[in-house]
């Protein structure tokens, strides 16, 4: 009120100026506030790829049309109305669950937390519940004129007794009637002019897949070492020799796509031959598919184990956290990345940034990241859910972690390290020739980079990529 007894004028309704809020929600130089689109801006030392440029102009429209058709199918299969906004009504005399009401397909639950809080004792109260993916009932023993619609999608309760009404509501059941692996039924709950909605989650839990660590919990029963080799048998043999110095009986799986394979006949080494030059990720898929232990350790064929290559330290991290992958360091370089994903109306943007998010609680040498170096320990089951795209034949690594974004929980620990063999280790002409031939396949050509960007354009519905 003013000094004269008149009400004060309503304050103006306005928003912050754009330059103000554009400076409020920054993460690593990226504005991650509410918006409809995304972009990759080239600045400082960032490398930026615009995906459309990897597609022939005369094919772009047709490729985009196919991509959008596939994206709509993806949305149909994997969108479960979980993003629907449910707003709580003010001063509603109804209590209801906002989280935690969950049922398996064709199972029945008692819906927790239903209640009525209001009205007068002499009034007749009418309460209605309605489902769309299941049926409703109550365990309360009451006449049909009190509860109508038992076993139907719509249940109506009519009574003047609040205590009886709450007794009935306390025992209302929900029965799933469709085989839905993961869906949300937004229930309607109303009385008079009061109306609310709340979610009932329908979810088929995954079957647990447990790995027996053996009676003595030996590292050989927990971890398998996996690698892929191509031409460089002399380096592969040096790697195996270094592993045996510290882990004499651990299983090593080798995927091999050499043109003229050599036999690797050593104890506890499983050697799998592939078609020639089948590729990096195809080899990873093959090696990992043969693992029967809880974890696998990925190493390149030119690494060397040292006293500081302590697999047990990485196992301790995965055994005592919820991480799925933990990387070490190669010659004390850990090359960890953050992957920042932005959704846009027509496409997405992905930003790779060096570094980590934060420290891993309880492990002073470890941090949480999105992508780690080629020396990592991973849980078998989570890796199988992601897989390695066999289209990527040559240089590929971070693509696995992009595929796993939102699935894989990743960390990096710099105190567990592996050595790297010197570049020039060839002792004879055969080894020198092998190194020379390998080098022809090692680096990405401009054509391979273009292929990868075109793949990402379609596969990830991606507009652009920036990294640095």
Protein backbone atom coordinates (compact mmCIF):
# COMPACT_ATOMS: atom_id res chain seq x y z
CA UNK A 1 0.00 0.00 0.00
CA UNK A 2 1.11 3.58 -0.58
CA UNK A 3 1.04 6.21 2.13
CA UNK A 4 -2.41 7.28 0.86
CA UNK A 5 -3.90 3.79 1.25
CA UNK A 6 -3.87 3.01 -2.49
CA UNK A 7 -2.40 -0.30 -3.70
CA UNK A 8 1.03 -0.11 -5.29
CA UNK A 9 1.21 -0.49 -9.04
CA UNK A 10 2.10 -3.98 -10.27
CA UNK A 11 5.80 -4.26 -11.06
CA UNK A 12 6.66 -4.68 -14.75
CA UNK A 13 6.98 -8.25 -16.01
CA UNK A 14 10.18 -8.60 -17.99
CA UNK A 15 13.00 -11.01 -18.78
CA UNK A 16 16.71 -10.57 -18.47
CA UNK A 17 18.33 -9.11 -21.58
CA UNK A 18 19.79 -11.71 -23.94
CA UNK A 19 23.40 -10.67 -23.31
CA UNK A 20 22.81 -11.24 -19.58
CA UNK A 21 21.33 -14.74 -19.68
CA UNK A 22 23.72 -15.81 -22.45
CA UNK A 23 26.49 -15.43 -19.87
CA UNK A 24 24.69 -17.37 -17.13
CA UNK A 25 24.60 -20.99 -18.25
CA UNK A 26 28.07 -21.56 -19.65
CA UNK A 27 30.00 -24.82 -19.40
CA UNK A 28 33.51 -24.90 -20.82
CA UNK A 29 32.65 -22.05 -23.14
CA UNK A 30 29.42 -23.66 -24.37
CA UNK A 31 26.06 -22.06 -23.64
CA UNK A 32 23.85 -24.91 -22.42
CA UNK A 33 20.77 -22.92 -21.50
CA UNK A 34 17.26 -23.51 -22.92
CA UNK A 35 17.24 -23.17 -26.70
CA UNK A 36 15.87 -24.77 -29.84
CA UNK A 37 19.05 -25.34 -31.81
CA UNK A 38 22.78 -25.89 -31.45
CA UNK A 39 25.96 -25.00 -33.31
CA UNK A 40 29.70 -25.61 -33.29
CA UNK A 41 31.64 -22.36 -33.27
CA UNK A 42 35.26 -22.37 -34.40
CA UNK A 43 37.36 -20.41 -31.93
CA UNK A 44 40.73 -20.62 -30.22
CA UNK A 45 42.24 -24.03 -31.02
CA UNK A 46 38.98 -25.89 -31.58
CA UNK A 47 38.63 -28.16 -34.60
CA UNK A 48 35.13 -28.09 -36.08
CA UNK A 49 33.45 -30.39 -38.60
CA UNK A 50 30.13 -29.52 -40.24
CA UNK A 51 28.62 -32.88 -41.09
CA UNK A 52 26.60 -31.84 -44.12
CA UNK A 53 29.84 -31.04 -45.95
CA UNK A 54 30.75 -34.73 -45.89
CA UNK A 55 27.71 -35.60 -48.04
CA UNK A 56 27.63 -35.02 -51.79
CA UNK A 57 25.35 -32.05 -52.46
CA UNK A 58 23.26 -33.95 -54.99
CA UNK A 59 22.65 -36.72 -52.41
CA UNK A 60 22.13 -34.59 -49.29
CA UNK A 61 18.36 -34.22 -49.57
CA UNK A 62 17.80 -37.95 -50.10
CA UNK A 63 20.18 -38.93 -47.28
CA UNK A 64 18.51 -36.45 -44.91
CA UNK A 65 15.08 -37.80 -45.83
CA UNK A 66 16.17 -41.38 -45.06
CA UNK A 67 17.75 -40.23 -41.81
CA UNK A 68 14.57 -38.50 -40.65
CA UNK A 69 12.52 -41.58 -41.45
CA UNK A 70 14.87 -43.70 -39.33
CA UNK A 71 14.80 -41.09 -36.54
CA UNK A 72 11.00 -41.16 -36.39
CA UNK A 73 11.15 -44.93 -36.09
CA UNK A 74 13.73 -44.57 -33.32
CA UNK A 75 11.45 -42.15 -31.46
CA UNK A 76 8.53 -44.52 -31.84
CA UNK A 77 10.51 -47.36 -30.31
CA UNK A 78 12.38 -45.55 -27.57
CA UNK A 79 10.25 -42.59 -26.47
CA UNK A 80 8.04 -43.59 -23.56
CA UNK A 81 6.34 -40.32 -22.69
CA UNK A 82 8.85 -39.86 -19.87
CA UNK A 83 9.50 -36.29 -21.04
CA UNK A 84 5.85 -35.31 -20.65
CA UNK A 85 5.56 -32.48 -18.13
CA UNK A 86 3.24 -33.08 -15.16
CA UNK A 87 2.51 -29.95 -13.11
CA UNK A 88 1.34 -30.33 -9.49
CA UNK A 89 -1.90 -28.43 -8.80
CA UNK A 90 -1.99 -26.06 -5.81
CA UNK A 91 -4.16 -26.79 -2.76
CA UNK A 92 -5.47 -30.13 -3.98
CA UNK A 93 -7.10 -32.37 -1.33
CA UNK A 94 -5.56 -35.47 -2.91
CA UNK A 95 -2.30 -37.25 -2.09
CA UNK A 96 -0.64 -39.43 -4.69
CA UNK A 97 2.79 -40.80 -5.64
CA UNK A 98 5.04 -38.64 -7.81
CA UNK A 99 7.72 -41.35 -8.04
CA UNK A 100 8.16 -44.99 -7.11
CA UNK A 101 4.93 -46.56 -8.38
CA UNK A 102 6.36 -49.29 -10.59
CA UNK A 103 4.92 -52.54 -11.94
CA UNK A 104 6.19 -55.33 -14.18
CA UNK A 105 4.16 -56.33 -17.27
CA UNK A 106 0.98 -58.24 -16.27
CA UNK A 107 1.81 -57.86 -12.56
CA UNK A 108 -0.31 -56.07 -9.97
CA UNK A 109 0.74 -53.51 -7.36
CA UNK A 110 -1.02 -51.51 -4.66
CA UNK A 111 -0.61 -47.88 -5.69
CA UNK A 112 1.22 -46.20 -2.78
CA UNK A 113 0.25 -42.89 -1.23
CA UNK A 114 -3.33 -42.41 -2.45
CA UNK A 115 -5.47 -40.39 -0.07
CA UNK A 116 -8.26 -37.81 0.32
CA UNK A 117 -7.81 -34.86 2.68
CA UNK A 118 -10.78 -32.53 2.79
CA UNK A 119 -14.54 -32.20 2.63
CA UNK A 120 -17.17 -32.38 5.37
CA UNK A 121 -18.32 -35.52 7.15
CA UNK A 122 -21.91 -35.19 5.92
CA UNK A 123 -20.93 -34.77 2.24
CA UNK A 124 -20.92 -37.60 -0.23
CA UNK A 125 -17.49 -37.71 -1.83
CA UNK A 126 -16.84 -39.02 -5.30
CA UNK A 127 -13.32 -39.87 -6.38
CA UNK A 128 -12.33 -41.16 -9.82
CA UNK A 129 -9.12 -42.85 -10.95
CA UNK A 130 -8.42 -43.64 -14.59
CA UNK A 131 -5.62 -45.59 -16.28
CA UNK A 132 -4.74 -46.04 -19.94
CA UNK A 133 -2.33 -49.02 -19.98
CA UNK A 134 -3.79 -51.11 -17.15
CA UNK A 135 -6.84 -51.81 -15.00
CA UNK A 136 -7.80 -50.69 -11.49
CA UNK A 137 -9.36 -52.40 -8.48
CA UNK A 138 -9.21 -52.30 -4.70
CA UNK A 139 -8.55 -54.90 -2.03
CA UNK A 140 -11.13 -53.21 0.21
CA UNK A 141 -14.25 -55.32 0.85
CA UNK A 142 -17.04 -52.86 0.04
CA UNK A 143 -20.35 -53.00 -1.90
CA UNK A 144 -20.51 -52.32 -5.64
CA UNK A 145 -22.45 -49.07 -5.12
CA UNK A 146 -19.41 -47.73 -3.22
CA UNK A 147 -16.79 -48.88 -5.75
CA UNK A 148 -17.74 -49.02 -9.41
CA UNK A 149 -15.56 -50.23 -12.26
CA UNK A 150 -13.55 -52.98 -10.60
CA UNK A 151 -11.15 -54.53 -13.11
CA UNK A 152 -11.70 -51.69 -15.60
CA UNK A 153 -9.59 -48.74 -16.64
CA UNK A 154 -11.83 -46.34 -14.72
CA UNK A 155 -12.55 -46.78 -11.01
CA UNK A 156 -15.12 -44.61 -9.20
CA UNK A 157 -15.48 -44.45 -5.41
CA UNK A 158 -18.56 -42.84 -3.80
CA UNK A 159 -19.04 -42.54 -0.04
CA UNK A 160 -19.81 -39.98 2.66
CA UNK A 161 -17.30 -41.59 5.03
CA UNK A 162 -13.82 -40.08 4.66
CA UNK A 163 -12.25 -42.85 6.72
CA UNK A 164 -13.79 -45.51 4.46
CA UNK A 165 -12.74 -43.54 1.36
CA UNK A 166 -9.14 -43.47 2.51
CA UNK A 167 -9.29 -47.17 3.43
CA UNK A 168 -10.36 -47.92 -0.15
CA UNK A 169 -7.76 -45.59 -1.68
CA UNK A 170 -5.02 -47.08 0.47
CA UNK A 171 -5.70 -50.45 -1.14
CA UNK A 172 -6.30 -49.47 -4.78
CA UNK A 173 -4.47 -51.82 -7.17
CA UNK A 174 -3.05 -51.31 -10.64
CA UNK A 175 -2.71 -54.28 -13.01
CA UNK A 176 -0.57 -54.03 -16.16
CA UNK A 177 -2.48 -55.46 -19.12
CA UNK A 178 0.01 -55.01 -22.00
CA UNK A 179 3.45 -56.46 -22.55
CA UNK A 180 5.43 -53.24 -22.39
CA UNK A 181 9.10 -53.40 -21.48
CA UNK A 182 9.39 -49.76 -20.52
CA UNK A 183 6.45 -47.36 -20.51
CA UNK A 184 4.71 -44.78 -18.33
CA UNK A 185 0.96 -44.75 -17.61
CA UNK A 186 -0.04 -41.26 -16.51
CA UNK A 187 -2.91 -41.90 -14.14
CA UNK A 188 -5.81 -39.48 -13.78
CA UNK A 189 -7.02 -38.84 -10.19
CA UNK A 190 -9.92 -36.44 -9.58
CA UNK A 191 -12.62 -35.31 -7.18
CA UNK A 192 -15.01 -32.46 -7.91
CA UNK A 193 -13.12 -29.71 -9.72
CA UNK A 194 -9.75 -31.01 -8.48
CA UNK A 195 -7.75 -33.05 -10.97
CA UNK A 196 -4.18 -34.37 -10.87
CA UNK A 197 -2.03 -36.79 -12.82
CA UNK A 198 0.72 -39.09 -11.57
CA UNK A 199 2.97 -41.70 -13.22
CA UNK A 200 2.91 -45.47 -12.89
CA UNK A 201 6.07 -46.92 -14.43
CA UNK A 202 5.70 -50.20 -16.33
CA UNK A 203 9.11 -51.81 -16.56
CA UNK A 204 10.46 -55.27 -17.22
CA UNK A 205 13.65 -55.55 -15.12
CA UNK A 206 16.74 -56.95 -16.78
CA UNK A 207 17.80 -60.43 -15.77
CA UNK A 208 20.96 -60.18 -13.66
CA UNK A 209 24.04 -61.63 -15.32
CA UNK A 210 26.58 -62.50 -12.66
CA UNK A 211 30.17 -63.64 -13.12
CA UNK A 212 31.70 -66.07 -10.64
CA UNK A 213 35.08 -64.65 -9.45
CA UNK A 214 36.14 -68.09 -8.20
CA UNK A 215 36.78 -69.25 -4.65
CA UNK A 216 40.08 -67.37 -4.25
CA UNK A 217 39.10 -64.19 -6.17
CA UNK A 218 42.21 -64.48 -8.33
CA UNK A 219 42.79 -61.79 -10.95
CA UNK A 220 42.84 -64.44 -13.73
CA UNK A 221 39.22 -65.30 -12.89
CA UNK A 222 38.15 -61.65 -12.94
CA UNK A 223 39.98 -60.17 -15.93
CA UNK A 224 40.78 -61.14 -19.52
CA UNK A 225 43.30 -59.11 -21.51
CA UNK A 226 42.18 -58.30 -25.07
CA UNK A 227 44.03 -56.82 -28.02
CA UNK A 228 44.01 -56.66 -31.81
CA UNK A 229 47.07 -57.08 -34.00
CA UNK A 230 47.82 -56.13 -37.60
CA UNK A 231 51.20 -56.94 -39.23
CA UNK A 232 53.24 -56.23 -36.08
CA UNK A 233 53.80 -59.71 -34.63
CA UNK A 234 57.14 -58.67 -33.15
CA UNK A 235 55.39 -56.04 -31.06
CA UNK A 236 52.57 -58.41 -30.09
CA UNK A 237 55.10 -60.96 -28.83
CA UNK A 238 56.90 -58.26 -26.83
CA UNK A 239 53.55 -57.27 -25.27
CA UNK A 240 52.73 -60.88 -24.32
CA UNK A 241 56.21 -61.36 -22.84
CA UNK A 242 55.78 -58.26 -20.67
CA UNK A 243 52.34 -59.40 -19.49
CA UNK A 244 53.67 -62.81 -18.50
CA UNK A 245 56.28 -61.20 -16.28
CA UNK A 246 53.51 -59.94 -13.97
CA UNK A 247 50.49 -62.10 -14.82
CA UNK A 248 51.75 -65.56 -15.85
CA UNK A 249 48.37 -67.28 -16.18
CA UNK A 250 45.91 -64.56 -17.13
CA UNK A 251 44.02 -65.20 -20.40
CA UNK A 252 44.99 -63.06 -23.39
CA UNK A 253 42.67 -62.87 -26.41
CA UNK A 254 44.16 -61.72 -29.72
CA UNK A 255 42.06 -60.70 -32.73
CA UNK A 256 44.19 -60.88 -35.87
CA UNK A 257 43.31 -59.60 -39.37
CA UNK A 258 46.74 -60.01 -40.97
CA UNK A 259 47.00 -61.04 -44.60
CA UNK A 260 49.34 -63.92 -43.77
CA UNK A 261 48.65 -64.92 -40.16
CA UNK A 262 51.40 -66.35 -38.00
CA UNK A 263 50.64 -68.82 -35.25
CA UNK A 264 50.68 -67.56 -31.68
CA UNK A 265 50.98 -70.76 -29.67
CA UNK A 266 51.47 -69.87 -26.04
CA UNK A 267 49.73 -70.97 -22.84
CA UNK A 268 46.61 -68.98 -21.95
CA UNK A 269 46.61 -67.14 -25.29
CA UNK A 270 43.54 -67.44 -27.53
CA UNK A 271 44.30 -66.41 -31.11
CA UNK A 272 41.39 -65.63 -33.47
CA UNK A 273 41.97 -65.11 -37.21
CA UNK A 274 39.81 -62.64 -39.15
CA UNK A 275 39.48 -61.79 -42.85
CA UNK A 276 42.31 -59.58 -44.04
CA UNK A 277 42.13 -55.90 -43.01
CA UNK A 278 38.67 -56.38 -41.53
CA UNK A 279 39.38 -53.46 -39.24
CA UNK A 280 39.99 -52.05 -35.81
CA UNK A 281 36.49 -52.14 -34.35
CA UNK A 282 35.60 -55.47 -35.96
CA UNK A 283 38.65 -56.85 -34.14
CA UNK A 284 37.53 -55.36 -30.86
CA UNK A 285 34.10 -56.93 -31.30
CA UNK A 286 35.63 -60.34 -31.96
CA UNK A 287 38.06 -60.19 -29.03
CA UNK A 288 35.49 -58.94 -26.54
CA UNK A 289 32.87 -61.46 -27.72
CA UNK A 290 35.10 -64.29 -26.46
CA UNK A 291 35.57 -62.91 -22.94
CA UNK A 292 33.97 -64.99 -20.18
CA UNK A 293 35.21 -63.03 -17.16
CA UNK A 294 33.55 -60.12 -15.37
CA UNK A 295 36.01 -57.59 -16.80
CA UNK A 296 38.29 -57.22 -19.78
CA UNK A 297 41.39 -55.05 -20.09
CA UNK A 298 41.90 -53.47 -23.50
CA UNK A 299 45.51 -52.90 -24.61
CA UNK A 300 47.11 -52.03 -27.93
CA UNK A 301 49.52 -54.59 -29.38
CA UNK A 302 52.49 -52.20 -28.98
CA UNK A 303 52.12 -51.63 -25.23
CA UNK A 304 54.43 -52.99 -22.52
CA UNK A 305 53.50 -53.93 -18.97
CA UNK A 306 55.69 -52.56 -16.16
CA UNK A 307 55.71 -52.62 -12.36
CA UNK A 308 53.15 -49.80 -12.49
CA UNK A 309 50.68 -51.75 -14.67
CA UNK A 310 48.63 -52.96 -11.74
CA UNK A 311 45.36 -54.37 -13.02
CA UNK A 312 44.24 -54.93 -9.43
CA UNK A 313 44.11 -51.16 -8.88
CA UNK A 314 41.66 -50.72 -11.75
CA UNK A 315 39.60 -53.69 -10.57
CA UNK A 316 39.34 -52.07 -7.13
CA UNK A 317 37.82 -48.97 -8.74
CA UNK A 318 35.14 -50.87 -10.65
CA UNK A 319 34.41 -53.16 -7.68
CA UNK A 320 33.79 -50.19 -5.36
CA UNK A 321 32.03 -47.66 -7.61
CA UNK A 322 29.23 -47.67 -10.16
CA UNK A 323 31.62 -47.02 -13.06
CA UNK A 324 31.50 -49.28 -16.12
CA UNK A 325 34.85 -48.30 -17.64
CA UNK A 326 38.03 -47.02 -16.01
CA UNK A 327 41.04 -45.94 -18.01
CA UNK A 328 44.66 -45.84 -16.96
CA UNK A 329 47.49 -43.90 -18.54
CA UNK A 330 49.97 -44.65 -21.33
CA UNK A 331 53.44 -43.46 -20.36
CA UNK A 332 51.59 -41.31 -17.78
CA UNK A 333 49.41 -39.65 -20.41
CA UNK A 334 45.72 -40.32 -19.77
CA UNK A 335 44.06 -38.44 -22.68
CA UNK A 336 40.66 -38.16 -21.01
CA UNK A 337 37.75 -36.33 -22.63
CA UNK A 338 34.34 -34.94 -21.80
CA UNK A 339 31.58 -35.45 -24.36
CA UNK A 340 28.97 -32.69 -24.33
CA UNK A 341 25.81 -33.41 -26.29
CA UNK A 342 23.28 -30.81 -27.41
CA UNK A 343 19.90 -31.58 -28.93
CA UNK A 344 18.45 -29.34 -31.62
CA UNK A 345 15.15 -29.28 -33.45
CA UNK A 346 16.60 -30.80 -36.60
CA UNK A 347 19.91 -32.30 -35.48
CA UNK A 348 22.40 -32.54 -32.64
CA UNK A 349 25.83 -31.17 -31.82
CA UNK A 350 28.65 -33.04 -30.10
CA UNK A 351 31.56 -31.31 -28.39
CA UNK A 352 34.67 -33.22 -27.25
CA UNK A 353 36.73 -31.39 -24.66
CA UNK A 354 39.97 -32.42 -23.01
CA UNK A 355 39.77 -33.05 -19.28
CA UNK A 356 37.32 -34.45 -16.75
CA UNK A 357 34.18 -33.47 -14.87
CA UNK A 358 35.23 -33.96 -11.25
CA UNK A 359 37.13 -36.20 -8.84
CA UNK A 360 35.93 -39.75 -8.23
CA UNK A 361 34.95 -39.94 -4.58
CA UNK A 362 37.12 -42.30 -2.56
CA UNK A 363 39.87 -42.54 -5.19
CA UNK A 364 42.25 -39.56 -5.06
CA UNK A 365 44.03 -40.47 -8.32
CA UNK A 366 40.82 -40.87 -10.33
CA UNK A 367 38.31 -38.58 -12.05
CA UNK A 368 34.99 -38.93 -13.87
CA UNK A 369 35.07 -38.37 -17.65
CA UNK A 370 33.29 -39.50 -20.84
CA UNK A 371 36.16 -40.99 -22.86
CA UNK A 372 39.54 -42.43 -21.93
CA UNK A 373 42.74 -43.70 -23.48
CA UNK A 374 43.19 -47.08 -25.28
CA UNK A 375 44.22 -48.71 -22.01
CA UNK A 376 41.08 -49.37 -19.99
CA UNK A 377 39.28 -51.94 -17.86
CA UNK A 378 35.57 -52.43 -18.59
CA UNK A 379 32.61 -54.45 -17.42
CA UNK A 380 31.72 -57.10 -19.97
CA UNK A 381 27.93 -56.78 -19.95
CA UNK A 382 27.85 -53.01 -20.38
CA UNK A 383 30.32 -53.21 -23.26
CA UNK A 384 28.18 -55.80 -25.03
CA UNK A 385 25.22 -53.42 -24.81
CA UNK A 386 27.20 -50.75 -26.68
CA UNK A 387 29.50 -52.68 -29.03
CA UNK A 388 32.04 -51.39 -31.55
CA UNK A 389 30.83 -50.18 -34.94
CA UNK A 390 32.57 -52.43 -37.53
CA UNK A 391 32.18 -49.75 -40.19
CA UNK A 392 35.14 -48.02 -38.53
CA UNK A 393 38.09 -49.98 -39.89
CA UNK A 394 41.11 -47.77 -39.25
CA UNK A 395 41.59 -45.03 -36.66
CA UNK A 396 38.72 -45.28 -34.16
CA UNK A 397 38.42 -45.06 -30.41
CA UNK A 398 36.34 -42.13 -29.13
CA UNK A 399 33.46 -43.38 -31.31
CA UNK A 400 32.92 -46.21 -28.81
CA UNK A 401 32.42 -43.69 -26.03
CA UNK A 402 30.13 -41.53 -28.17
CA UNK A 403 28.06 -44.67 -28.82
CA UNK A 404 28.04 -45.31 -25.08
CA UNK A 405 27.07 -41.77 -24.03
CA UNK A 406 24.23 -42.03 -21.53
CA UNK A 407 24.97 -45.74 -20.98
CA UNK A 408 28.59 -46.01 -19.92
CA UNK A 409 29.82 -44.43 -16.68
CA UNK A 410 33.48 -43.69 -17.28
CA UNK A 411 36.44 -42.80 -15.10
CA UNK A 412 40.18 -42.29 -15.49
CA UNK A 413 42.98 -43.11 -13.03
CA UNK A 414 46.44 -41.80 -13.80
CA UNK A 415 48.34 -43.88 -11.22
CA UNK A 416 47.96 -47.13 -13.20
CA UNK A 417 50.11 -46.87 -16.28
CA UNK A 418 51.34 -48.98 -19.17
CA UNK A 419 54.43 -48.33 -21.28
CA UNK A 420 54.57 -47.88 -25.05
CA UNK A 421 57.09 -49.70 -27.22
CA UNK A 422 59.50 -47.41 -29.11
CA UNK A 423 58.48 -46.68 -32.68
CA UNK A 424 61.64 -48.18 -34.15
CA UNK A 425 61.94 -51.66 -32.65
CA UNK A 426 62.41 -53.63 -35.87
CA UNK A 427 65.42 -55.94 -35.64
CA UNK A 428 65.46 -57.30 -39.20
CA UNK A 429 64.11 -56.63 -42.66
CA UNK A 430 60.91 -58.64 -42.10
CA UNK A 431 60.00 -56.55 -39.08
CA UNK A 432 60.88 -53.32 -40.89
CA UNK A 433 58.66 -54.34 -43.80
CA UNK A 434 55.84 -55.14 -41.38
CA UNK A 435 56.18 -51.71 -39.74
CA UNK A 436 56.21 -50.03 -43.17
CA UNK A 437 53.10 -51.89 -44.33
CA UNK A 438 51.32 -51.18 -41.04
CA UNK A 439 52.03 -47.45 -41.38
CA UNK A 440 50.10 -47.37 -44.66
CA UNK A 441 46.94 -48.35 -42.76
CA UNK A 442 47.61 -46.45 -39.55
CA UNK A 443 46.59 -42.88 -40.31
CA UNK A 444 43.24 -41.62 -41.48
CA UNK A 445 43.14 -40.36 -45.03
CA UNK A 446 40.92 -37.39 -45.97
CA UNK A 447 38.56 -39.90 -47.59
CA UNK A 448 38.29 -41.90 -44.35
CA UNK A 449 37.63 -38.75 -42.32
CA UNK A 450 34.89 -37.79 -44.78
CA UNK A 451 33.41 -41.28 -44.49
CA UNK A 452 33.40 -41.03 -40.69
CA UNK A 453 31.71 -37.62 -40.72
CA UNK A 454 29.07 -38.87 -43.17
CA UNK A 455 28.48 -41.86 -40.90
CA UNK A 456 28.03 -39.59 -37.89
CA UNK A 457 25.70 -37.31 -39.86
CA UNK A 458 23.29 -40.20 -40.36
CA UNK A 459 23.94 -42.43 -37.36
CA UNK A 460 23.87 -39.74 -34.66
CA UNK A 461 21.61 -37.29 -36.55
CA UNK A 462 24.49 -34.90 -36.03
CA UNK A 463 24.86 -31.38 -37.34
CA UNK A 464 28.44 -30.72 -36.26
CA UNK A 465 31.36 -31.85 -34.13
CA UNK A 466 33.88 -29.71 -32.27
CA UNK A 467 36.84 -30.88 -30.24
CA UNK A 468 39.78 -29.40 -28.44
